[in-house]
Protein backbone atom coordinates (compact mmCIF):
# COMPACT_ATOMS: atom_id res chain seq x y z
CA MET A 1 -12.59 10.71 20.64
CA LYS A 2 -9.48 11.58 19.81
CA GLU A 3 -8.38 15.16 18.41
CA PRO A 4 -7.58 16.06 14.52
CA LEU A 5 -4.28 16.93 15.17
CA THR A 6 -3.82 14.22 17.23
CA MET A 7 -5.28 11.73 14.61
CA LYS A 8 -2.61 12.78 12.19
CA ASN A 9 0.32 12.62 14.49
CA ASP A 10 -0.68 8.78 15.25
CA ILE A 11 -0.83 9.00 11.39
CA LEU A 12 2.16 9.88 10.74
CA LEU A 13 3.77 8.14 13.43
CA LYS A 14 1.98 4.97 12.42
CA GLN A 15 3.17 5.70 8.20
CA LEU A 16 6.96 5.52 9.98
CA ALA A 17 6.44 2.40 11.30
CA ALA A 18 5.42 0.99 8.45
CA PHE A 19 8.45 2.26 6.35
CA ARG A 20 10.69 1.18 8.26
CA HIS A 21 9.69 -2.23 8.72
CA ASN A 22 8.85 -2.37 4.76
CA THR A 23 13.43 -1.07 4.84
CA LEU A 24 14.25 -4.02 8.17
CA SER A 25 12.33 -6.65 5.55
CA ALA A 26 14.47 -5.82 2.58
CA VAL A 27 17.26 -6.70 3.95
CA GLU A 28 15.55 -9.28 5.93
CA GLY A 29 18.57 -12.48 5.60
CA LEU A 30 21.07 -10.33 3.90
CA ASN A 31 24.99 -11.13 5.07
CA GLU A 32 28.37 -9.37 5.48
CA GLU A 33 29.66 -9.52 2.76
CA GLU A 34 25.98 -8.94 0.90
CA ALA A 35 25.41 -5.24 2.07
CA ASP A 36 29.11 -5.15 1.57
CA PHE A 37 28.91 -5.69 -2.02
CA ILE A 38 28.78 -2.52 -5.09
CA PRO A 39 27.46 -3.18 -8.33
CA GLU A 40 27.97 -1.43 -11.62
CA GLY A 41 27.30 1.45 -11.91
CA PHE A 42 25.81 2.12 -8.35
CA ASN A 43 28.90 4.43 -5.93
CA ASN A 44 27.45 3.10 -2.49
CA ASN A 45 26.50 -0.77 -1.12
CA ILE A 46 23.17 -2.16 1.21
CA ARG A 47 24.66 -0.83 4.36
CA TRP A 48 25.87 2.45 3.18
CA ASN A 49 22.36 2.73 2.15
CA LEU A 50 20.71 1.33 5.58
CA GLY A 51 23.48 4.06 7.89
CA HIS A 52 22.20 6.86 5.62
CA ILE A 53 18.35 7.14 6.07
CA PHE A 54 19.52 6.07 9.74
CA LEU A 55 21.84 9.37 9.78
CA ASP A 56 19.23 11.91 7.18
CA GLN A 57 16.33 10.52 9.39
CA TYR A 58 17.81 12.47 12.77
CA ASP A 59 20.17 15.06 10.85
CA TRP A 60 15.97 17.19 10.10
CA LEU A 61 14.52 16.44 13.57
CA TYR A 62 17.16 17.42 16.10
CA HIS A 63 19.29 19.59 13.87
CA LYS A 64 15.91 22.12 12.61
CA VAL A 65 15.75 23.36 16.46
CA ARG A 66 19.39 22.85 17.01
CA GLU A 67 19.55 19.73 19.30
CA ASP A 68 22.08 16.51 19.62
CA ASN A 69 22.09 14.49 17.51
CA PRO A 70 21.60 10.64 19.02
CA ALA A 71 23.28 9.06 15.73
CA PRO A 72 27.71 8.39 16.29
CA ILE A 73 29.33 10.76 15.20
CA HIS A 74 31.49 8.43 13.62
CA TYR A 75 28.65 8.03 11.12
CA ARG A 76 28.38 11.03 9.61
CA GLU A 77 32.11 9.77 8.39
CA LEU A 78 30.70 7.17 6.72
CA PHE A 79 27.43 7.52 5.42
CA GLY A 80 26.82 11.74 5.28
CA TYR A 81 26.03 13.41 2.22
CA GLY A 82 28.80 12.35 -0.14
CA THR A 83 30.87 9.79 1.74
CA LYS A 84 31.11 6.39 0.36
CA PRO A 85 32.58 3.41 0.65
CA GLU A 86 35.54 3.82 -1.14
CA ASN A 87 36.46 6.22 1.90
CA TRP A 88 35.95 4.27 4.76
CA GLN A 89 39.23 5.26 7.28
CA GLN A 90 37.19 2.89 9.37
CA THR A 91 35.31 0.21 10.31
CA PRO A 92 30.97 0.11 9.99
CA PRO A 93 28.90 -0.90 12.10
CA THR A 94 27.40 -5.02 11.28
CA LEU A 95 24.83 -5.68 9.64
CA GLN A 96 22.92 -6.21 12.61
CA GLU A 97 23.47 -3.65 14.61
CA LEU A 98 22.23 -0.86 11.36
CA ARG A 99 19.31 -3.01 11.90
CA HIS A 100 18.64 -2.41 15.56
CA ARG A 101 19.65 1.67 15.63
CA LEU A 102 17.27 1.68 12.25
CA MET A 103 14.52 -0.32 14.80
CA GLU A 104 14.94 1.79 17.98
CA GLN A 105 14.82 5.14 15.62
CA VAL A 106 11.35 4.50 15.23
CA GLN A 107 10.87 4.66 19.46
CA VAL A 108 13.34 7.23 20.02
CA ILE A 109 11.17 9.84 16.98
CA GLU A 110 8.19 8.18 18.25
CA GLU A 111 9.33 9.44 21.97
CA GLN A 112 10.89 12.58 20.84
CA PHE A 113 9.33 13.77 18.83
CA GLY A 114 5.66 11.82 19.46
CA HIS A 115 3.69 15.04 21.43
CA ARG A 116 5.68 18.16 19.40
CA LEU A 117 5.75 17.41 15.56
CA GLN A 118 2.84 20.36 15.89
CA GLN A 119 5.88 21.82 17.20
CA GLU A 120 6.93 25.73 15.35
CA LEU A 121 11.09 25.44 13.65
CA ASP A 122 13.15 27.56 14.87
CA GLU A 123 13.81 28.57 11.13
CA PRO A 124 11.75 26.61 8.17
CA THR A 125 13.67 24.56 5.93
CA GLU A 126 14.65 24.91 3.04
CA LEU A 127 11.28 23.63 1.76
CA GLY A 128 9.26 25.88 3.47
CA MET A 129 8.85 22.86 6.21
CA ASN A 130 7.66 24.67 9.58
CA THR A 131 6.97 22.31 11.89
CA PHE A 132 8.78 18.10 12.53
CA ALA A 133 4.76 17.15 11.14
CA GLU A 134 6.22 18.49 7.91
CA VAL A 135 9.62 17.63 7.12
CA LEU A 136 8.52 14.24 8.62
CA PRO A 137 7.10 12.53 4.85
CA ARG A 138 10.39 13.98 3.66
CA THR A 139 12.39 11.88 5.16
CA PHE A 140 9.61 8.63 4.31
CA TYR A 141 10.03 10.25 1.20
CA HIS A 142 13.93 10.32 1.15
CA GLU A 143 13.62 6.41 2.77
CA GLY A 144 11.39 5.94 -0.28
CA LEU A 145 14.45 6.49 -2.52
CA HIS A 146 17.51 4.60 -0.39
CA LEU A 147 15.47 1.63 -0.10
CA GLY A 148 14.88 1.86 -4.12
CA THR A 149 18.05 1.86 -4.77
CA ILE A 150 18.19 -1.00 -1.08
CA LEU A 151 16.79 -3.10 -3.99
CA ALA A 152 18.58 -2.45 -6.96
CA ILE A 153 21.42 -3.85 -5.54
CA LYS A 154 19.40 -6.98 -4.05
CA LYS A 155 18.17 -7.51 -7.69
CA ALA A 156 22.09 -6.82 -8.94
CA ILE A 157 23.37 -8.94 -6.79
CA HIS A 158 21.12 -12.06 -7.96
CA LEU A 159 21.92 -11.75 -11.26
CA GLN A 160 25.31 -11.73 -10.14
CA LYS A 161 24.77 -14.79 -8.07
CA GLN A 162 23.39 -15.84 -11.62
CA THR A 163 26.53 -15.25 -13.03
CA GLU A 164 28.29 -17.00 -11.28
CA ALA A 165 26.47 -20.67 -11.04
CA LYS A 166 26.11 -21.22 -14.39
């Protein structure tokens, strides 16, 4: 029988995979034009939200132990906090690339952090989190917020298409 701590770690990693599956399922079938649509009242599009989820997850894990973040450097300019597509100075990754990176990220996190979820961070976060196991749920919450935005943008796309069809 597994130790209780190992079981808790397994649950966290299963949640990571399940939540990521939900996010990727939400964008299944979208095309590049839909991924770039910014509805009235929004600052960003689906492509930005996907890139931001990807970057934020790595930022919270790698930065807290001062290890090299595997996210491409230019992703910070595209998807970092406070960025938006109207200010992009370079071509963003394709929707297919973002999907692939998001799928791959789950495996990378399992390999890089799965065995050290109880490891102490170099310093606690502003919310008092001290281990990777404490940080991961914060990243799940963040992904869920952005998934909600993605779903709202998808609804706006659907409404726009209905309006255009009339």
